[in-house]
């Protein structure tokens, strides 16, 4: 059992649009416990983010055989989706968190730090949302991260939204028929207007959950699904070409659909892609340790 008197406990948070993953380590980097919660995107409201982080933290503490009271001893680095947007920075900064210290950054920065162990490099994230970042010689090049349906043309949510649009257009005889119509009808027990009604308030997460249907239809030779994924891959190709102009020593493709889409990318670009060295949660811990040493006092640091 892990000693309860540890004073140096670090936790990294990868707060994505679909899941919140956390990792607790000892000061020497030894893994103590991990946990998973729900969405940590501030677009869903502060209460939802707090619930997701708290749930994941409690799971990680239990995994580490640590009492929940040890939450107050955690030095936390939190990479949160959407935190590059000022309104979400302000929202998250208002949280009177239960940790010893918490240093906030966006999930893209945490992923980049983890993927390249704090060294120069770039990441392209294609999960529920899409964003990319290159850090070379202190210079940052950021692409995307604009949010659902805002220049987000290679995210899981965009793929899912395209699937629904294709099915509805096919139902109205305005586009080619597709297996996606039957797939969505089976999932929601609805077609046409009733399908639209079922999804009228759908979030990016809900649309992102539909992306696997598109890959399944494409694997079954559905022309419409293949077109959606071809356009997705072409957009990622375009992003990679822009990122590579910054000459990062390493580039990693990450996110929930990365493994599904990689074989559709330009084959000339594939040799540029290398697996991440560490996870976004580990990148968030690296960020926390750096900020702790610097006694950070900027807008991203909160402690008591």
C-alpha atoms as a PDB file:
ATOM      1  CA  UNK A   1       0.000   0.000   0.000  1.00  0.00           C
ATOM      2  CA  UNK A   2       1.267   3.488  -0.865  1.00  0.00           C
ATOM      3  CA  UNK A   3       2.304   5.516   2.162  1.00  0.00           C
ATOM      4  CA  UNK A   4      -0.277   8.089   3.175  1.00  0.00           C
ATOM      5  CA  UNK A   5       2.345  10.641   4.313  1.00  0.00           C
ATOM      6  CA  UNK A   6       3.709  11.453   0.886  1.00  0.00           C
ATOM      7  CA  UNK A   7       3.932  15.213   0.467  1.00  0.00           C
ATOM      8  CA  UNK A   8       5.096  15.201  -3.144  1.00  0.00           C
ATOM      9  CA  UNK A   9       2.255  13.864  -5.250  1.00  0.00           C
ATOM     10  CA  UNK A  10       1.746  15.027  -8.828  1.00  0.00           C
ATOM     11  CA  UNK A  11      -1.305  14.598 -11.007  1.00  0.00           C
ATOM     12  CA  UNK A  12      -1.645  15.236 -14.727  1.00  0.00           C
ATOM     13  CA  UNK A  13      -5.027  15.841 -16.315  1.00  0.00           C
ATOM     14  CA  UNK A  14      -5.821  15.327 -19.984  1.00  0.00           C
ATOM     15  CA  UNK A  15      -9.208  17.026 -20.146  1.00  0.00           C
ATOM     16  CA  UNK A  16     -10.621  16.193 -23.568  1.00  0.00           C
ATOM     17  CA  UNK A  17     -13.970  16.749 -25.179  1.00  0.00           C
ATOM     18  CA  UNK A  18     -15.093  13.163 -24.564  1.00  0.00           C
ATOM     19  CA  UNK A  19     -13.037  11.893 -21.629  1.00  0.00           C
ATOM     20  CA  UNK A  20     -10.979  13.215 -18.761  1.00  0.00           C
ATOM     21  CA  UNK A  21      -7.931  11.069 -18.001  1.00  0.00           C
ATOM     22  CA  UNK A  22      -5.743  11.614 -14.957  1.00  0.00           C
ATOM     23  CA  UNK A  23      -2.469  10.133 -13.764  1.00  0.00           C
ATOM     24  CA  UNK A  24      -0.968  10.375 -10.274  1.00  0.00           C
ATOM     25  CA  UNK A  25       2.798  10.035  -9.859  1.00  0.00           C
ATOM     26  CA  UNK A  26       5.312  10.214  -7.042  1.00  0.00           C
ATOM     27  CA  UNK A  27       7.967  12.920  -7.286  1.00  0.00           C
ATOM     28  CA  UNK A  28      10.361  10.487  -8.997  1.00  0.00           C
ATOM     29  CA  UNK A  29       7.848   9.731 -11.758  1.00  0.00           C
ATOM     30  CA  UNK A  30       6.630   6.415 -10.389  1.00  0.00           C
ATOM     31  CA  UNK A  31       3.062   5.750 -11.519  1.00  0.00           C
ATOM     32  CA  UNK A  32       0.712   5.456  -8.559  1.00  0.00           C
ATOM     33  CA  UNK A  33      -2.762   5.474 -10.092  1.00  0.00           C
ATOM     34  CA  UNK A  34      -4.929   6.440 -13.041  1.00  0.00           C
ATOM     35  CA  UNK A  35      -8.567   7.386 -13.475  1.00  0.00           C
ATOM     36  CA  UNK A  36     -11.119   8.377 -16.095  1.00  0.00           C
ATOM     37  CA  UNK A  37     -14.048  10.790 -15.999  1.00  0.00           C
ATOM     38  CA  UNK A  38     -16.420  12.350 -18.499  1.00  0.00           C
ATOM     39  CA  UNK A  39     -16.021  15.405 -20.709  1.00  0.00           C
ATOM     40  CA  UNK A  40     -13.744  18.160 -19.395  1.00  0.00           C
ATOM     41  CA  UNK A  41     -14.434  20.721 -22.090  1.00  0.00           C
ATOM     42  CA  UNK A  42     -15.534  23.984 -20.408  1.00  0.00           C
ATOM     43  CA  UNK A  43     -18.105  24.484 -23.167  1.00  0.00           C
ATOM     44  CA  UNK A  44     -20.243  22.037 -21.163  1.00  0.00           C
ATOM     45  CA  UNK A  45     -20.107  24.278 -18.102  1.00  0.00           C
ATOM     46  CA  UNK A  46     -17.846  24.493 -15.083  1.00  0.00           C
ATOM     47  CA  UNK A  47     -19.975  22.093 -13.009  1.00  0.00           C
ATOM     48  CA  UNK A  48     -19.546  19.355 -15.617  1.00  0.00           C
ATOM     49  CA  UNK A  49     -15.782  19.866 -15.797  1.00  0.00           C
ATOM     50  CA  UNK A  50     -15.449  19.813 -12.005  1.00  0.00           C
ATOM     51  CA  UNK A  51     -17.502  16.611 -11.810  1.00  0.00           C
ATOM     52  CA  UNK A  52     -15.385  14.926 -14.502  1.00  0.00           C
ATOM     53  CA  UNK A  53     -12.065  15.914 -12.921  1.00  0.00           C
ATOM     54  CA  UNK A  54     -13.219  15.012  -9.407  1.00  0.00           C
ATOM     55  CA  UNK A  55     -14.551  11.630 -10.528  1.00  0.00           C
ATOM     56  CA  UNK A  56     -11.333  10.806 -12.379  1.00  0.00           C
ATOM     57  CA  UNK A  57      -9.211  11.974  -9.426  1.00  0.00           C
ATOM     58  CA  UNK A  58     -11.136   9.856  -6.929  1.00  0.00           C
ATOM     59  CA  UNK A  59     -10.707   6.829  -9.217  1.00  0.00           C
ATOM     60  CA  UNK A  60      -6.963   7.485  -9.493  1.00  0.00           C
ATOM     61  CA  UNK A  61      -6.563   7.885  -5.732  1.00  0.00           C
ATOM     62  CA  UNK A  62      -8.424   4.622  -5.167  1.00  0.00           C
ATOM     63  CA  UNK A  63      -6.223   2.933  -7.777  1.00  0.00           C
ATOM     64  CA  UNK A  64      -3.187   4.232  -5.886  1.00  0.00           C
ATOM     65  CA  UNK A  65      -4.581   2.991  -2.538  1.00  0.00           C
ATOM     66  CA  UNK A  66      -4.633   6.578  -1.348  1.00  0.00           C
ATOM     67  CA  UNK A  67      -7.418   8.077   0.734  1.00  0.00           C
ATOM     68  CA  UNK A  68      -9.537  10.745  -0.945  1.00  0.00           C
ATOM     69  CA  UNK A  69      -8.229  13.196   1.672  1.00  0.00           C
ATOM     70  CA  UNK A  70      -4.889  13.087  -0.185  1.00  0.00           C
ATOM     71  CA  UNK A  71      -6.488  15.230  -2.885  1.00  0.00           C
ATOM     72  CA  UNK A  72      -5.294  18.277  -0.928  1.00  0.00           C
ATOM     73  CA  UNK A  73      -1.659  17.159  -1.385  1.00  0.00           C
ATOM     74  CA  UNK A  74      -1.777  16.917  -5.164  1.00  0.00           C
ATOM     75  CA  UNK A  75       0.208  19.329  -7.309  1.00  0.00           C
ATOM     76  CA  UNK A  76      -1.802  19.293 -10.515  1.00  0.00           C
ATOM     77  CA  UNK A  77      -1.062  20.110 -14.124  1.00  0.00           C
ATOM     78  CA  UNK A  78      -4.303  20.311 -16.083  1.00  0.00           C
ATOM     79  CA  UNK A  79      -4.415  20.286 -19.869  1.00  0.00           C
ATOM     80  CA  UNK A  80      -7.992  21.295 -20.604  1.00  0.00           C
ATOM     81  CA  UNK A  81      -9.686  21.319 -24.024  1.00  0.00           C
ATOM     82  CA  UNK A  82     -10.592  24.813 -25.176  1.00  0.00           C
ATOM     83  CA  UNK A  83      -8.426  26.598 -22.609  1.00  0.00           C
ATOM     84  CA  UNK A  84      -6.709  28.625 -25.330  1.00  0.00           C
ATOM     85  CA  UNK A  85      -9.966  30.621 -25.461  1.00  0.00           C
ATOM     86  CA  UNK A  86     -10.039  33.551 -22.983  1.00  0.00           C
ATOM     87  CA  UNK A  87     -13.599  32.922 -21.789  1.00  0.00           C
ATOM     88  CA  UNK A  88     -12.733  29.372 -20.757  1.00  0.00           C
ATOM     89  CA  UNK A  89      -9.510  30.504 -19.076  1.00  0.00           C
ATOM     90  CA  UNK A  90     -11.607  32.858 -16.970  1.00  0.00           C
ATOM     91  CA  UNK A  91     -14.180  30.166 -16.234  1.00  0.00           C
ATOM     92  CA  UNK A  92     -11.630  27.596 -15.085  1.00  0.00           C
ATOM     93  CA  UNK A  93      -9.719  30.198 -13.070  1.00  0.00           C
ATOM     94  CA  UNK A  94     -12.862  30.747 -10.992  1.00  0.00           C
ATOM     95  CA  UNK A  95     -12.788  27.182  -9.637  1.00  0.00           C
ATOM     96  CA  UNK A  96     -11.848  26.965  -5.967  1.00  0.00           C
ATOM     97  CA  UNK A  97     -10.146  23.633  -6.535  1.00  0.00           C
ATOM     98  CA  UNK A  98      -9.400  21.127  -3.728  1.00  0.00           C
ATOM     99  CA  UNK A  99      -5.752  20.538  -4.695  1.00  0.00           C
ATOM    100  CA  UNK A 100      -2.515  21.789  -3.149  1.00  0.00           C
ATOM    101  CA  UNK A 101      -1.734  23.616  -6.379  1.00  0.00           C
ATOM    102  CA  UNK A 102      -3.184  23.566  -9.882  1.00  0.00           C
ATOM    103  CA  UNK A 103      -1.546  24.899 -13.031  1.00  0.00           C
ATOM    104  CA  UNK A 104      -3.792  25.215 -16.042  1.00  0.00           C
ATOM    105  CA  UNK A 105      -2.878  25.008 -19.690  1.00  0.00           C
ATOM    106  CA  UNK A 106      -4.671  23.753 -22.791  1.00  0.00           C
ATOM    107  CA  UNK A 107      -4.784  20.085 -23.742  1.00  0.00           C
ATOM    108  CA  UNK A 108      -2.763  20.736 -26.893  1.00  0.00           C
ATOM    109  CA  UNK A 109       0.215  22.102 -24.962  1.00  0.00           C
ATOM    110  CA  UNK A 110       0.085  19.198 -22.509  1.00  0.00           C
ATOM    111  CA  UNK A 111      -0.068  16.692 -25.361  1.00  0.00           C
ATOM    112  CA  UNK A 112       2.929  18.299 -27.095  1.00  0.00           C
ATOM    113  CA  UNK A 113       5.008  18.308 -23.905  1.00  0.00           C
ATOM    114  CA  UNK A 114       4.186  14.657 -23.329  1.00  0.00           C
ATOM    115  CA  UNK A 115       4.665  13.492 -26.900  1.00  0.00           C
ATOM    116  CA  UNK A 116       8.211  14.880 -27.055  1.00  0.00           C
ATOM    117  CA  UNK A 117       9.191  14.714 -23.363  1.00  0.00           C
ATOM    118  CA  UNK A 118       9.346  18.481 -23.086  1.00  0.00           C
ATOM    119  CA  UNK A 119      11.546  18.883 -26.150  1.00  0.00           C
ATOM    120  CA  UNK A 120      10.763  20.572 -29.476  1.00  0.00           C
ATOM    121  CA  UNK A 121       8.166  18.863 -31.648  1.00  0.00           C
ATOM    122  CA  UNK A 122       4.655  19.014 -33.014  1.00  0.00           C
ATOM    123  CA  UNK A 123       1.362  17.228 -32.538  1.00  0.00           C
ATOM    124  CA  UNK A 124      -1.783  17.030 -34.616  1.00  0.00           C
ATOM    125  CA  UNK A 125      -4.760  15.975 -32.505  1.00  0.00           C
ATOM    126  CA  UNK A 126      -7.776  14.445 -34.221  1.00  0.00           C
ATOM    127  CA  UNK A 127     -10.219  13.392 -31.549  1.00  0.00           C
ATOM    128  CA  UNK A 128     -13.623  14.813 -30.737  1.00  0.00           C
ATOM    129  CA  UNK A 129     -12.067  18.106 -31.846  1.00  0.00           C
ATOM    130  CA  UNK A 130      -9.081  19.071 -33.965  1.00  0.00           C
ATOM    131  CA  UNK A 131      -5.999  21.149 -33.178  1.00  0.00           C
ATOM    132  CA  UNK A 132      -2.289  21.179 -33.926  1.00  0.00           C
ATOM    133  CA  UNK A 133       0.777  22.731 -32.344  1.00  0.00           C
ATOM    134  CA  UNK A 134       4.449  22.967 -33.248  1.00  0.00           C
ATOM    135  CA  UNK A 135       7.076  24.210 -30.780  1.00  0.00           C
ATOM    136  CA  UNK A 136      10.520  24.847 -32.282  1.00  0.00           C
ATOM    137  CA  UNK A 137      13.211  26.997 -30.653  1.00  0.00           C
ATOM    138  CA  UNK A 138      10.653  28.661 -28.433  1.00  0.00           C
ATOM    139  CA  UNK A 139       8.378  29.590 -31.335  1.00  0.00           C
ATOM    140  CA  UNK A 140       4.845  28.222 -31.380  1.00  0.00           C
ATOM    141  CA  UNK A 141       2.683  27.554 -34.419  1.00  0.00           C
ATOM    142  CA  UNK A 142      -0.908  26.715 -33.501  1.00  0.00           C
ATOM    143  CA  UNK A 143      -3.576  25.547 -35.948  1.00  0.00           C
ATOM    144  CA  UNK A 144      -7.250  24.809 -35.355  1.00  0.00           C
ATOM    145  CA  UNK A 145      -8.859  24.486 -31.968  1.00  0.00           C
ATOM    146  CA  UNK A 146     -11.678  26.767 -33.082  1.00  0.00           C
ATOM    147  CA  UNK A 147     -14.447  24.512 -31.832  1.00  0.00           C
ATOM    148  CA  UNK A 148     -17.195  22.302 -33.219  1.00  0.00           C
ATOM    149  CA  UNK A 149     -18.047  23.069 -36.861  1.00  0.00           C
ATOM    150  CA  UNK A 150     -15.698  26.081 -36.896  1.00  0.00           C
ATOM    151  CA  UNK A 151     -12.903  25.151 -39.315  1.00  0.00           C
ATOM    152  CA  UNK A 152     -12.875  21.754 -37.626  1.00  0.00           C
ATOM    153  CA  UNK A 153     -12.846  19.629 -40.758  1.00  0.00           C
ATOM    154  CA  UNK A 154     -10.979  16.574 -39.561  1.00  0.00           C
ATOM    155  CA  UNK A 155     -12.368  15.940 -36.095  1.00  0.00           C
ATOM    156  CA  UNK A 156     -14.482  13.021 -34.971  1.00  0.00           C
ATOM    157  CA  UNK A 157     -17.389  15.388 -34.350  1.00  0.00           C
ATOM    158  CA  UNK A 158     -17.105  16.792 -37.876  1.00  0.00           C
ATOM    159  CA  UNK A 159     -17.102  13.255 -39.335  1.00  0.00           C
ATOM    160  CA  UNK A 160     -20.194  12.369 -37.290  1.00  0.00           C
ATOM    161  CA  UNK A 161     -21.957  15.566 -38.338  1.00  0.00           C
ATOM    162  CA  UNK A 162     -21.179  14.817 -41.986  1.00  0.00           C
ATOM    163  CA  UNK A 163     -22.712  11.364 -41.549  1.00  0.00           C
ATOM    164  CA  UNK A 164     -25.991  12.820 -40.286  1.00  0.00           C
ATOM    165  CA  UNK A 165     -26.043  15.428 -43.027  1.00  0.00           C
ATOM    166  CA  UNK A 166     -25.432  12.765 -45.687  1.00  0.00           C
ATOM    167  CA  UNK A 167     -28.230  10.569 -44.326  1.00  0.00           C
ATOM    168  CA  UNK A 168     -30.735  13.435 -44.223  1.00  0.00           C
ATOM    169  CA  UNK A 169     -29.875  14.597 -47.737  1.00  0.00           C
ATOM    170  CA  UNK A 170     -30.209  11.035 -49.033  1.00  0.00           C
ATOM    171  CA  UNK A 171     -33.636  10.737 -47.366  1.00  0.00           C
ATOM    172  CA  UNK A 172     -34.736  13.840 -49.284  1.00  0.00           C
ATOM    173  CA  UNK A 173     -33.345  12.438 -52.561  1.00  0.00           C
ATOM    174  CA  UNK A 174     -30.861  15.311 -52.684  1.00  0.00           C
ATOM    175  CA  UNK A 175     -27.745  13.180 -52.429  1.00  0.00           C
ATOM    176  CA  UNK A 176     -26.436   9.686 -53.082  1.00  0.00           C
ATOM    177  CA  UNK A 177     -27.903   6.879 -50.983  1.00  0.00           C
ATOM    178  CA  UNK A 178     -25.660   5.620 -48.204  1.00  0.00           C
ATOM    179  CA  UNK A 179     -25.480   2.850 -45.618  1.00  0.00           C
ATOM    180  CA  UNK A 180     -25.239   5.613 -43.029  1.00  0.00           C
ATOM    181  CA  UNK A 181     -29.000   6.147 -43.346  1.00  0.00           C
ATOM    182  CA  UNK A 182     -29.736   2.662 -42.048  1.00  0.00           C
ATOM    183  CA  UNK A 183     -26.978   2.804 -39.438  1.00  0.00           C
ATOM    184  CA  UNK A 184     -28.296   6.011 -37.942  1.00  0.00           C
ATOM    185  CA  UNK A 185     -31.900   4.816 -38.167  1.00  0.00           C
ATOM    186  CA  UNK A 186     -30.938   1.711 -36.206  1.00  0.00           C
ATOM    187  CA  UNK A 187     -29.041   3.699 -33.583  1.00  0.00           C
ATOM    188  CA  UNK A 188     -31.717   6.349 -32.994  1.00  0.00           C
ATOM    189  CA  UNK A 189     -34.801   4.431 -34.146  1.00  0.00           C
ATOM    190  CA  UNK A 190     -35.568   7.479 -36.252  1.00  0.00           C
ATOM    191  CA  UNK A 191     -35.252   8.750 -39.811  1.00  0.00           C
ATOM    192  CA  UNK A 192     -35.684  12.045 -41.605  1.00  0.00           C
ATOM    193  CA  UNK A 193     -37.302  14.720 -39.457  1.00  0.00           C
ATOM    194  CA  UNK A 194     -37.332  12.431 -36.432  1.00  0.00           C
ATOM    195  CA  UNK A 195     -33.577  11.887 -36.766  1.00  0.00           C
ATOM    196  CA  UNK A 196     -33.081  15.649 -36.988  1.00  0.00           C
ATOM    197  CA  UNK A 197     -35.274  16.052 -33.921  1.00  0.00           C
ATOM    198  CA  UNK A 198     -33.240  13.463 -31.998  1.00  0.00           C
ATOM    199  CA  UNK A 199     -30.043  15.385 -32.706  1.00  0.00           C
ATOM    200  CA  UNK A 200     -31.315  18.952 -32.564  1.00  0.00           C
ATOM    201  CA  UNK A 201     -29.348  19.662 -29.370  1.00  0.00           C
ATOM    202  CA  UNK A 202     -26.509  17.205 -29.938  1.00  0.00           C
ATOM    203  CA  UNK A 203     -23.069  18.156 -28.659  1.00  0.00           C
ATOM    204  CA  UNK A 204     -19.706  17.697 -30.310  1.00  0.00           C
ATOM    205  CA  UNK A 205     -19.228  14.612 -28.120  1.00  0.00           C
ATOM    206  CA  UNK A 206     -22.431  13.047 -29.415  1.00  0.00           C
ATOM    207  CA  UNK A 207     -21.465  13.673 -33.009  1.00  0.00           C
ATOM    208  CA  UNK A 208     -17.960  12.405 -32.324  1.00  0.00           C
ATOM    209  CA  UNK A 209     -19.438   9.143 -31.073  1.00  0.00           C
ATOM    210  CA  UNK A 210     -20.922   8.631 -34.562  1.00  0.00           C
ATOM    211  CA  UNK A 211     -17.531   8.701 -36.317  1.00  0.00           C
ATOM    212  CA  UNK A 212     -16.988   4.900 -35.956  1.00  0.00           C
ATOM    213  CA  UNK A 213     -20.164   4.366 -38.033  1.00  0.00           C
ATOM    214  CA  UNK A 214     -18.534   6.230 -40.917  1.00  0.00           C
ATOM    215  CA  UNK A 215     -15.403   4.109 -40.729  1.00  0.00           C
ATOM    216  CA  UNK A 216     -17.532   0.947 -40.578  1.00  0.00           C
ATOM    217  CA  UNK A 217     -19.570   2.014 -43.619  1.00  0.00           C
ATOM    218  CA  UNK A 218     -16.396   2.946 -45.517  1.00  0.00           C
ATOM    219  CA  UNK A 219     -14.883  -0.445 -44.752  1.00  0.00           C
ATOM    220  CA  UNK A 220     -18.053  -1.894 -46.290  1.00  0.00           C
ATOM    221  CA  UNK A 221     -17.372   0.062 -49.497  1.00  0.00           C
ATOM    222  CA  UNK A 222     -19.942   2.801 -48.929  1.00  0.00           C
ATOM    223  CA  UNK A 223     -19.086   5.572 -51.401  1.00  0.00           C
ATOM    224  CA  UNK A 224     -20.454   8.425 -49.278  1.00  0.00           C
ATOM    225  CA  UNK A 225     -18.618   7.309 -46.142  1.00  0.00           C
ATOM    226  CA  UNK A 226     -15.414   6.909 -48.121  1.00  0.00           C
ATOM    227  CA  UNK A 227     -15.806  10.419 -49.529  1.00  0.00           C
ATOM    228  CA  UNK A 228     -16.205  11.826 -46.006  1.00  0.00           C
ATOM    229  CA  UNK A 229     -13.031  10.095 -44.858  1.00  0.00           C
ATOM    230  CA  UNK A 230     -11.113  11.027 -48.013  1.00  0.00           C
ATOM    231  CA  UNK A 231     -11.901  14.691 -47.397  1.00  0.00           C
ATOM    232  CA  UNK A 232     -10.939  14.269 -43.751  1.00  0.00           C
ATOM    233  CA  UNK A 233      -7.570  12.775 -44.693  1.00  0.00           C
ATOM    234  CA  UNK A 234      -6.898  15.499 -47.269  1.00  0.00           C
ATOM    235  CA  UNK A 235      -7.494  18.136 -44.602  1.00  0.00           C
ATOM    236  CA  UNK A 236      -5.075  16.406 -42.214  1.00  0.00           C
ATOM    237  CA  UNK A 237      -2.518  16.234 -45.059  1.00  0.00           C
ATOM    238  CA  UNK A 238      -2.882  19.981 -45.497  1.00  0.00           C
ATOM    239  CA  UNK A 239      -2.382  20.571 -41.769  1.00  0.00           C
ATOM    240  CA  UNK A 240       0.699  18.350 -41.682  1.00  0.00           C
ATOM    241  CA  UNK A 241       2.272  20.197 -44.607  1.00  0.00           C
ATOM    242  CA  UNK A 242       1.833  23.524 -42.820  1.00  0.00           C
ATOM    243  CA  UNK A 243       3.182  22.090 -39.551  1.00  0.00           C
ATOM    244  CA  UNK A 244       6.224  20.567 -41.281  1.00  0.00           C
ATOM    245  CA  UNK A 245       7.211  23.993 -42.621  1.00  0.00           C
ATOM    246  CA  UNK A 246       8.165  24.915 -39.051  1.00  0.00           C
ATOM    247  CA  UNK A 247      10.710  22.050 -39.165  1.00  0.00           C
ATOM    248  CA  UNK A 248       9.818  20.248 -35.910  1.00  0.00           C
ATOM    249  CA  UNK A 249      12.239  17.396 -35.100  1.00  0.00           C
ATOM    250  CA  UNK A 250       9.305  15.114 -34.264  1.00  0.00           C
ATOM    251  CA  UNK A 251       5.615  15.052 -35.257  1.00  0.00           C
ATOM    252  CA  UNK A 252       2.952  12.870 -33.649  1.00  0.00           C
ATOM    253  CA  UNK A 253      -0.608  12.232 -34.795  1.00  0.00           C
ATOM    254  CA  UNK A 254      -2.839  11.723 -31.756  1.00  0.00           C
ATOM    255  CA  UNK A 255      -6.484  11.478 -30.761  1.00  0.00           C
ATOM    256  CA  UNK A 256      -9.383   9.065 -30.965  1.00  0.00           C
ATOM    257  CA  UNK A 257      -9.507   8.751 -34.754  1.00  0.00           C
ATOM    258  CA  UNK A 258      -5.761   8.961 -35.432  1.00  0.00           C
ATOM    259  CA  UNK A 259      -5.237   5.195 -35.749  1.00  0.00           C
ATOM    260  CA  UNK A 260      -8.339   4.862 -37.939  1.00  0.00           C
ATOM    261  CA  UNK A 261      -7.423   7.613 -40.405  1.00  0.00           C
ATOM    262  CA  UNK A 262      -3.632   7.299 -40.642  1.00  0.00           C
ATOM    263  CA  UNK A 263      -3.664   4.769 -43.504  1.00  0.00           C
ATOM    264  CA  UNK A 264      -5.650   7.239 -45.621  1.00  0.00           C
ATOM    265  CA  UNK A 265      -3.031   9.993 -45.350  1.00  0.00           C
ATOM    266  CA  UNK A 266      -0.551  10.968 -48.061  1.00  0.00           C
ATOM    267  CA  UNK A 267       2.043   8.171 -48.027  1.00  0.00           C
ATOM    268  CA  UNK A 268       4.815  10.706 -48.503  1.00  0.00           C
ATOM    269  CA  UNK A 269       3.903  12.250 -45.146  1.00  0.00           C
ATOM    270  CA  UNK A 270       3.766   9.015 -43.139  1.00  0.00           C
ATOM    271  CA  UNK A 271       7.555   8.805 -42.504  1.00  0.00           C
ATOM    272  CA  UNK A 272       7.283  12.175 -40.715  1.00  0.00           C
ATOM    273  CA  UNK A 273       4.920  10.746 -38.111  1.00  0.00           C
ATOM    274  CA  UNK A 274       6.426   9.255 -34.951  1.00  0.00           C
ATOM    275  CA  UNK A 275       4.602   7.783 -31.948  1.00  0.00           C
ATOM    276  CA  UNK A 276       4.304  10.014 -28.873  1.00  0.00           C
ATOM    277  CA  UNK A 277       6.970   9.288 -26.262  1.00  0.00           C
ATOM    278  CA  UNK A 278       4.652   9.908 -23.323  1.00  0.00           C
ATOM    279  CA  UNK A 279       0.985  10.609 -22.698  1.00  0.00           C
ATOM    280  CA  UNK A 280      -0.737  14.021 -22.421  1.00  0.00           C
ATOM    281  CA  UNK A 281      -1.230  13.334 -18.701  1.00  0.00           C
ATOM    282  CA  UNK A 282       2.530  12.962 -18.313  1.00  0.00           C
ATOM    283  CA  UNK A 283       2.966  16.152 -20.310  1.00  0.00           C
ATOM    284  CA  UNK A 284       0.616  17.899 -17.874  1.00  0.00           C
ATOM    285  CA  UNK A 285       2.715  16.676 -14.927  1.00  0.00           C
ATOM    286  CA  UNK A 286       5.847  17.956 -16.644  1.00  0.00           C
ATOM    287  CA  UNK A 287       4.104  21.325 -17.046  1.00  0.00           C
ATOM    288  CA  UNK A 288       3.107  21.353 -13.345  1.00  0.00           C
ATOM    289  CA  UNK A 289       6.670  20.658 -12.200  1.00  0.00           C
ATOM    290  CA  UNK A 290       8.040  23.454 -14.388  1.00  0.00           C
ATOM    291  CA  UNK A 291       5.413  25.922 -13.137  1.00  0.00           C
ATOM    292  CA  UNK A 292       5.937  24.853  -9.539  1.00  0.00           C
ATOM    293  CA  UNK A 293       9.652  25.589  -9.824  1.00  0.00           C
ATOM    294  CA  UNK A 294       8.967  28.962 -11.362  1.00  0.00           C
ATOM    295  CA  UNK A 295       6.392  29.747  -8.665  1.00  0.00           C
ATOM    296  CA  UNK A 296       4.045  30.657 -11.513  1.00  0.00           C
ATOM    297  CA  UNK A 297       1.725  33.548 -10.773  1.00  0.00           C
ATOM    298  CA  UNK A 298       0.149  34.122 -14.156  1.00  0.00           C
ATOM    299  CA  UNK A 299      -3.497  33.581 -15.126  1.00  0.00           C
ATOM    300  CA  UNK A 300      -2.905  29.871 -15.468  1.00  0.00           C
ATOM    301  CA  UNK A 301      -1.747  29.321 -11.880  1.00  0.00           C
ATOM    302  CA  UNK A 302      -4.038  28.790  -8.949  1.00  0.00           C
ATOM    303  CA  UNK A 303      -2.933  27.621  -5.531  1.00  0.00           C
ATOM    304  CA  UNK A 304      -3.731  27.806  -1.874  1.00  0.00           C
END
